[in-house]
Amino acid sequence: MNGGFELAKAGELANIYRLPCGIVNVNIQGVTLHFSQEAFLLFSAMVRSANSSLMDIELKELLERGGAEHG
């Protein structure tokens, strides 16, 4: 981790940590994204929004399939 502080971990394949210089690294299966702290906060907000949108789409599709089965 290069002296960084681990912020989150998902098994052995993914983690997020902050370096002493303030850079936030996101590592997922061999891919590393480097963010300033401000950019990481923006990225996190975008991921939350995308996650919410995906859940809305999946719920809509589930409801449409359920309506087709009963109608």
PDB file of N, CA and C in Angstrom:
ATOM      1  N   MET A   1       0.812  -1.214   0.000  1.00  0.00           N
ATOM      2  CA  MET A   1       0.000   0.000   0.000  1.00  0.00           C
ATOM      3  C   MET A   1       0.840   1.256   0.000  1.00  0.00           C
ATOM      4  N   ASN A   2       2.113   1.137  -0.025  1.00  0.00           N
ATOM      5  CA  ASN A   2       2.998   2.296  -0.092  1.00  0.00           C
ATOM      6  C   ASN A   2       2.794   3.265   1.062  1.00  0.00           C
ATOM      7  N   GLY A   3       2.572   2.762   2.280  1.00  0.00           N
ATOM      8  CA  GLY A   3       2.386   3.625   3.432  1.00  0.00           C
ATOM      9  C   GLY A   3       1.034   4.292   3.482  1.00  0.00           C
ATOM     10  N   GLY A   4       0.091   3.808   2.680  1.00  0.00           N
ATOM     11  CA  GLY A   4      -1.234   4.412   2.641  1.00  0.00           C
ATOM     12  C   GLY A   4      -2.149   3.887   3.732  1.00  0.00           C
ATOM     13  N   PHE A   5      -3.285   4.536   3.873  1.00  0.00           N
ATOM     14  CA  PHE A   5      -4.307   4.165   4.832  1.00  0.00           C
ATOM     15  C   PHE A   5      -5.453   3.505   4.079  1.00  0.00           C
ATOM     16  N   GLU A   6      -5.731   2.248   4.405  1.00  0.00           N
ATOM     17  CA  GLU A   6      -6.795   1.519   3.713  1.00  0.00           C
ATOM     18  C   GLU A   6      -8.165   2.064   4.125  1.00  0.00           C
ATOM     19  N   LEU A   7      -8.957   2.448   3.132  1.00  0.00           N
ATOM     20  CA  LEU A   7     -10.295   2.988   3.368  1.00  0.00           C
ATOM     21  C   LEU A   7     -11.374   1.926   3.221  1.00  0.00           C
ATOM     22  N   ALA A   8     -11.158   0.970   2.313  1.00  0.00           N
ATOM     23  CA  ALA A   8     -12.141  -0.089   2.072  1.00  0.00           C
ATOM     24  C   ALA A   8     -11.444  -1.250   1.385  1.00  0.00           C
ATOM     25  N   LYS A   9     -12.048  -2.447   1.554  1.00  0.00           N
ATOM     26  CA  LYS A   9     -11.483  -3.643   0.938  1.00  0.00           C
ATOM     27  C   LYS A   9     -12.615  -4.594   0.597  1.00  0.00           C
ATOM     28  N   ALA A  10     -12.508  -5.250  -0.548  1.00  0.00           N
ATOM     29  CA  ALA A  10     -13.476  -6.267  -0.971  1.00  0.00           C
ATOM     30  C   ALA A  10     -12.678  -7.511  -1.341  1.00  0.00           C
ATOM     31  N   GLY A  11     -12.464  -8.368  -0.376  1.00  0.00           N
ATOM     32  CA  GLY A  11     -11.683  -9.575  -0.630  1.00  0.00           C
ATOM     33  C   GLY A  11     -10.247  -9.239  -0.975  1.00  0.00           C
ATOM     34  N   GLU A  12      -9.659 -10.099  -1.760  1.00  0.00           N
ATOM     35  CA  GLU A  12      -8.262  -9.914  -2.156  1.00  0.00           C
ATOM     36  C   GLU A  12      -8.114  -9.168  -3.479  1.00  0.00           C
ATOM     37  N   LEU A  13      -9.218  -8.906  -4.165  1.00  0.00           N
ATOM     38  CA  LEU A  13      -9.137  -8.358  -5.511  1.00  0.00           C
ATOM     39  C   LEU A  13      -9.421  -6.869  -5.620  1.00  0.00           C
ATOM     40  N   ALA A  14      -9.853  -6.238  -4.529  1.00  0.00           N
ATOM     41  CA  ALA A  14     -10.198  -4.819  -4.641  1.00  0.00           C
ATOM     42  C   ALA A  14      -9.954  -4.113  -3.318  1.00  0.00           C
ATOM     43  N   ASN A  15      -9.425  -2.888  -3.416  1.00  0.00           N
ATOM     44  CA  ASN A  15      -9.284  -2.051  -2.231  1.00  0.00           C
ATOM     45  C   ASN A  15      -9.190  -0.584  -2.632  1.00  0.00           C
ATOM     46  N   ILE A  16      -9.411   0.245  -1.635  1.00  0.00           N
ATOM     47  CA  ILE A  16      -9.289   1.695  -1.812  1.00  0.00           C
ATOM     48  C   ILE A  16      -8.424   2.185  -0.663  1.00  0.00           C
ATOM     49  N   TYR A  17      -7.410   2.977  -0.991  1.00  0.00           N
ATOM     50  CA  TYR A  17      -6.581   3.516   0.069  1.00  0.00           C
ATOM     51  C   TYR A  17      -6.107   4.919  -0.284  1.00  0.00           C
ATOM     52  N   ARG A  18      -5.775   5.649   0.760  1.00  0.00           N
ATOM     53  CA  ARG A  18      -5.315   7.030   0.624  1.00  0.00           C
ATOM     54  C   ARG A  18      -3.835   7.076   0.954  1.00  0.00           C
ATOM     55  N   LEU A  19      -3.067   7.665   0.061  1.00  0.00           N
ATOM     56  CA  LEU A  19      -1.637   7.832   0.271  1.00  0.00           C
ATOM     57  C   LEU A  19      -1.385   9.034   1.174  1.00  0.00           C
ATOM     58  N   PRO A  20      -0.230   9.090   1.831  1.00  0.00           N
ATOM     59  CA  PRO A  20       0.084  10.242   2.682  1.00  0.00           C
ATOM     60  C   PRO A  20       0.019  11.580   1.926  1.00  0.00           C
ATOM     61  N   CYS A  21       0.260  11.566   0.630  1.00  0.00           N
ATOM     62  CA  CYS A  21       0.219  12.797  -0.164  1.00  0.00           C
ATOM     63  C   CYS A  21      -1.212  13.237  -0.492  1.00  0.00           C
ATOM     64  N   GLY A  22      -2.217  12.413  -0.123  1.00  0.00           N
ATOM     65  CA  GLY A  22      -3.615  12.787  -0.351  1.00  0.00           C
ATOM     66  C   GLY A  22      -4.259  12.109  -1.544  1.00  0.00           C
ATOM     67  N   ILE A  23      -3.473  11.434  -2.362  1.00  0.00           N
ATOM     68  CA  ILE A  23      -4.032  10.731  -3.514  1.00  0.00           C
ATOM     69  C   ILE A  23      -4.801   9.507  -3.033  1.00  0.00           C
ATOM     70  N   VAL A  24      -5.977   9.275  -3.630  1.00  0.00           N
ATOM     71  CA  VAL A  24      -6.792   8.104  -3.308  1.00  0.00           C
ATOM     72  C   VAL A  24      -6.669   7.124  -4.465  1.00  0.00           C
ATOM     73  N   ASN A  25      -6.248   5.909  -4.159  1.00  0.00           N
ATOM     74  CA  ASN A  25      -6.113   4.863  -5.164  1.00  0.00           C
ATOM     75  C   ASN A  25      -7.250   3.871  -5.029  1.00  0.00           C
ATOM     76  N   VAL A  26      -7.874   3.557  -6.166  1.00  0.00           N
ATOM     77  CA  VAL A  26      -8.917   2.540  -6.230  1.00  0.00           C
ATOM     78  C   VAL A  26      -8.343   1.398  -7.059  1.00  0.00           C
ATOM     79  N   ASN A  27      -8.183   0.232  -6.455  1.00  0.00           N
ATOM     80  CA  ASN A  27      -7.623  -0.941  -7.129  1.00  0.00           C
ATOM     81  C   ASN A  27      -8.698  -2.001  -7.272  1.00  0.00           C
ATOM     82  N   ILE A  28      -8.956  -2.402  -8.514  1.00  0.00           N
ATOM     83  CA  ILE A  28      -9.934  -3.458  -8.773  1.00  0.00           C
ATOM     84  C   ILE A  28      -9.333  -4.407  -9.799  1.00  0.00           C
ATOM     85  N   GLN A  29      -9.058  -5.616  -9.386  1.00  0.00           N
ATOM     86  CA  GLN A  29      -8.551  -6.681 -10.247  1.00  0.00           C
ATOM     87  C   GLN A  29      -7.451  -6.215 -11.198  1.00  0.00           C
ATOM     88  N   GLY A  30      -6.425  -5.614 -10.644  1.00  0.00           N
ATOM     89  CA  GLY A  30      -5.268  -5.235 -11.440  1.00  0.00           C
ATOM     90  C   GLY A  30      -5.360  -3.883 -12.112  1.00  0.00           C
ATOM     91  N   VAL A  31      -6.465  -3.194 -11.977  1.00  0.00           N
ATOM     92  CA  VAL A  31      -6.625  -1.845 -12.536  1.00  0.00           C
ATOM     93  C   VAL A  31      -6.599  -0.860 -11.379  1.00  0.00           C
ATOM     94  N   THR A  32      -5.773   0.173 -11.491  1.00  0.00           N
ATOM     95  CA  THR A  32      -5.686   1.173 -10.430  1.00  0.00           C
ATOM     96  C   THR A  32      -6.069   2.532 -10.991  1.00  0.00           C
ATOM     97  N   LEU A  33      -6.998   3.184 -10.307  1.00  0.00           N
ATOM     98  CA  LEU A  33      -7.386   4.554 -10.631  1.00  0.00           C
ATOM     99  C   LEU A  33      -6.831   5.457  -9.549  1.00  0.00           C
ATOM    100  N   HIS A  34      -6.240   6.585  -9.935  1.00  0.00           N
ATOM    101  CA  HIS A  34      -5.647   7.534  -9.001  1.00  0.00           C
ATOM    102  C   HIS A  34      -6.488   8.806  -9.019  1.00  0.00           C
ATOM    103  N   PHE A  35      -6.933   9.247  -7.853  1.00  0.00           N
ATOM    104  CA  PHE A  35      -7.772  10.435  -7.749  1.00  0.00           C
ATOM    105  C   PHE A  35      -7.210  11.400  -6.708  1.00  0.00           C
ATOM    106  N   SER A  36      -7.399  12.689  -6.957  1.00  0.00           N
ATOM    107  CA  SER A  36      -7.231  13.632  -5.863  1.00  0.00           C
ATOM    108  C   SER A  36      -8.405  13.380  -4.917  1.00  0.00           C
ATOM    109  N   GLN A  37      -8.333  13.873  -3.703  1.00  0.00           N
ATOM    110  CA  GLN A  37      -9.428  13.634  -2.769  1.00  0.00           C
ATOM    111  C   GLN A  37     -10.726  14.253  -3.291  1.00  0.00           C
ATOM    112  N   GLU A  38     -10.665  15.439  -3.879  1.00  0.00           N
ATOM    113  CA  GLU A  38     -11.861  16.081  -4.447  1.00  0.00           C
ATOM    114  C   GLU A  38     -12.437  15.268  -5.589  1.00  0.00           C
ATOM    115  N   ALA A  39     -11.575  14.782  -6.474  1.00  0.00           N
ATOM    116  CA  ALA A  39     -12.050  13.979  -7.608  1.00  0.00           C
ATOM    117  C   ALA A  39     -12.645  12.658  -7.127  1.00  0.00           C
ATOM    118  N   PHE A  40     -12.059  12.068  -6.064  1.00  0.00           N
ATOM    119  CA  PHE A  40     -12.605  10.829  -5.524  1.00  0.00           C
ATOM    120  C   PHE A  40     -14.003  11.050  -4.962  1.00  0.00           C
ATOM    121  N   LEU A  41     -14.225  12.161  -4.270  1.00  0.00           N
ATOM    122  CA  LEU A  41     -15.553  12.463  -3.744  1.00  0.00           C
ATOM    123  C   LEU A  41     -16.562  12.613  -4.875  1.00  0.00           C
ATOM    124  N   LEU A  42     -16.165  13.270  -5.957  1.00  0.00           N
ATOM    125  CA  LEU A  42     -17.034  13.411  -7.129  1.00  0.00           C
ATOM    126  C   LEU A  42     -17.305  12.043  -7.760  1.00  0.00           C
ATOM    127  N   PHE A  43     -16.266  11.246  -7.932  1.00  0.00           N
ATOM    128  CA  PHE A  43     -16.405   9.907  -8.492  1.00  0.00           C
ATOM    129  C   PHE A  43     -17.341   9.055  -7.628  1.00  0.00           C
ATOM    130  N   SER A  44     -17.179   9.123  -6.311  1.00  0.00           N
ATOM    131  CA  SER A  44     -18.033   8.358  -5.398  1.00  0.00           C
ATOM    132  C   SER A  44     -19.495   8.764  -5.547  1.00  0.00           C
ATOM    133  N   ALA A  45     -19.759  10.050  -5.673  1.00  0.00           N
ATOM    134  CA  ALA A  45     -21.133  10.522  -5.855  1.00  0.00           C
ATOM    135  C   ALA A  45     -21.703  10.008  -7.166  1.00  0.00           C
ATOM    136  N   MET A  46     -20.883   9.984  -8.213  1.00  0.00           N
ATOM    137  CA  MET A  46     -21.339   9.472  -9.507  1.00  0.00           C
ATOM    138  C   MET A  46     -21.650   7.982  -9.416  1.00  0.00           C
ATOM    139  N   VAL A  47     -20.831   7.220  -8.708  1.00  0.00           N
ATOM    140  CA  VAL A  47     -21.061   5.780  -8.554  1.00  0.00           C
ATOM    141  C   VAL A  47     -22.349   5.542  -7.772  1.00  0.00           C
ATOM    142  N   ARG A  48     -22.580   6.309  -6.704  1.00  0.00           N
ATOM    143  CA  ARG A  48     -23.833   6.169  -5.948  1.00  0.00           C
ATOM    144  C   ARG A  48     -25.036   6.446  -6.837  1.00  0.00           C
ATOM    145  N   SER A  49     -24.949   7.483  -7.656  1.00  0.00           N
ATOM    146  CA  SER A  49     -26.043   7.833  -8.563  1.00  0.00           C
ATOM    147  C   SER A  49     -26.272   6.733  -9.600  1.00  0.00           C
ATOM    148  N   ALA A  50     -25.191   6.213 -10.155  1.00  0.00           N
ATOM    149  CA  ALA A  50     -25.302   5.139 -11.148  1.00  0.00           C
ATOM    150  C   ALA A  50     -25.895   3.887 -10.509  1.00  0.00           C
ATOM    151  N   ASN A  51     -25.486   3.579  -9.296  1.00  0.00           N
ATOM    152  CA  ASN A  51     -26.021   2.414  -8.582  1.00  0.00           C
ATOM    153  C   ASN A  51     -27.522   2.572  -8.371  1.00  0.00           C
ATOM    154  N   SER A  52     -27.942   3.740  -7.969  1.00  0.00           N
ATOM    155  CA  SER A  52     -29.362   4.009  -7.770  1.00  0.00           C
ATOM    156  C   SER A  52     -30.134   3.865  -9.077  1.00  0.00           C
ATOM    157  N   SER A  53     -29.568   4.385 -10.159  1.00  0.00           N
ATOM    158  CA  SER A  53     -30.221   4.282 -11.475  1.00  0.00           C
ATOM    159  C   SER A  53     -30.352   2.826 -11.911  1.00  0.00           C
ATOM    160  N   LEU A  54     -29.298   2.027 -11.692  1.00  0.00           N
ATOM    161  CA  LEU A  54     -29.363   0.609 -12.043  1.00  0.00           C
ATOM    162  C   LEU A  54     -30.433  -0.112 -11.235  1.00  0.00           C
ATOM    163  N   MET A  55     -30.526   0.211  -9.955  1.00  0.00           N
ATOM    164  CA  MET A  55     -31.545  -0.417  -9.121  1.00  0.00           C
ATOM    165  C   MET A  55     -32.943  -0.035  -9.600  1.00  0.00           C
ATOM    166  N   ASP A  56     -33.135   1.228  -9.997  1.00  0.00           N
ATOM    167  CA  ASP A  56     -34.430   1.667 -10.517  1.00  0.00           C
ATOM    168  C   ASP A  56     -34.783   0.915 -11.797  1.00  0.00           C
ATOM    169  N   ILE A  57     -33.810   0.756 -12.685  1.00  0.00           N
ATOM    170  CA  ILE A  57     -34.035   0.051 -13.950  1.00  0.00           C
ATOM    171  C   ILE A  57     -34.387  -1.408 -13.680  1.00  0.00           C
ATOM    172  N   GLU A  58     -33.624  -2.044 -12.771  1.00  0.00           N
ATOM    173  CA  GLU A  58     -33.889  -3.453 -12.460  1.00  0.00           C
ATOM    174  C   GLU A  58     -35.265  -3.628 -11.833  1.00  0.00           C
ATOM    175  N   LEU A  59     -35.666  -2.712 -10.956  1.00  0.00           N
ATOM    176  CA  LEU A  59     -36.986  -2.790 -10.339  1.00  0.00           C
ATOM    177  C   LEU A  59     -38.078  -2.622 -11.387  1.00  0.00           C
ATOM    178  N   LYS A  60     -37.880  -1.669 -12.285  1.00  0.00           N
ATOM    179  CA  LYS A  60     -38.859  -1.441 -13.354  1.00  0.00           C
ATOM    180  C   LYS A  60     -38.995  -2.685 -14.228  1.00  0.00           C
ATOM    181  N   GLU A  61     -37.867  -3.296 -14.593  1.00  0.00           N
ATOM    182  CA  GLU A  61     -37.899  -4.503 -15.417  1.00  0.00           C
ATOM    183  C   GLU A  61     -38.576  -5.649 -14.677  1.00  0.00           C
ATOM    184  N   LEU A  62     -38.319  -5.785 -13.397  1.00  0.00           N
ATOM    185  CA  LEU A  62     -38.932  -6.828 -12.594  1.00  0.00           C
ATOM    186  C   LEU A  62     -40.443  -6.634 -12.525  1.00  0.00           C
ATOM    187  N   LEU A  63     -40.870  -5.396 -12.315  1.00  0.00           N
ATOM    188  CA  LEU A  63     -42.303  -5.113 -12.256  1.00  0.00           C
ATOM    189  C   LEU A  63     -42.974  -5.361 -13.602  1.00  0.00           C
ATOM    190  N   GLU A  64     -42.291  -5.010 -14.695  1.00  0.00           N
ATOM    191  CA  GLU A  64     -42.849  -5.244 -16.026  1.00  0.00           C
ATOM    192  C   GLU A  64     -42.982  -6.738 -16.304  1.00  0.00           C
ATOM    193  N   ARG A  65     -41.989  -7.525 -15.907  1.00  0.00           N
ATOM    194  CA  ARG A  65     -42.064  -8.979 -16.099  1.00  0.00           C
ATOM    195  C   ARG A  65     -43.161  -9.583 -15.241  1.00  0.00           C
ATOM    196  N   GLY A  66     -43.298  -9.096 -14.014  1.00  0.00           N
ATOM    197  CA  GLY A  66     -44.336  -9.596 -13.117  1.00  0.00           C
ATOM    198  C   GLY A  66     -45.718  -9.258 -13.651  1.00  0.00           C
ATOM    199  N   GLY A  67     -45.874  -8.077 -14.235  1.00  0.00           N
ATOM    200  CA  GLY A  67     -47.163  -7.693 -14.822  1.00  0.00           C
ATOM    201  C   GLY A  67     -47.490  -8.520 -16.034  1.00  0.00           C
ATOM    202  N   ALA A  68     -46.470  -8.870 -16.832  1.00  0.00           N
ATOM    203  CA  ALA A  68     -46.702  -9.674 -18.033  1.00  0.00           C
ATOM    204  C   ALA A  68     -47.102 -11.095 -17.662  1.00  0.00           C
ATOM    205  N   GLU A  69     -46.561 -11.604 -16.559  1.00  0.00           N
ATOM    206  CA  GLU A  69     -46.891 -12.958 -16.126  1.00  0.00           C
ATOM    207  C   GLU A  69     -48.323 -13.045 -15.598  1.00  0.00           C
ATOM    208  N   HIS A  70     -48.808 -11.956 -15.035  1.00  0.00           N
ATOM    209  CA  HIS A  70     -50.149 -11.965 -14.437  1.00  0.00           C
ATOM    210  C   HIS A  70     -51.210 -11.412 -15.365  1.00  0.00           C
ATOM    211  N   GLY A  71     -50.814 -10.891 -16.514  1.00  0.00           N
ATOM    212  CA  GLY A  71     -51.795 -10.250 -17.381  1.00  0.00           C
ATOM    213  C   GLY A  71     -51.967 -10.971 -18.621  1.00  0.00           C
TER     214      GLY A  71
END
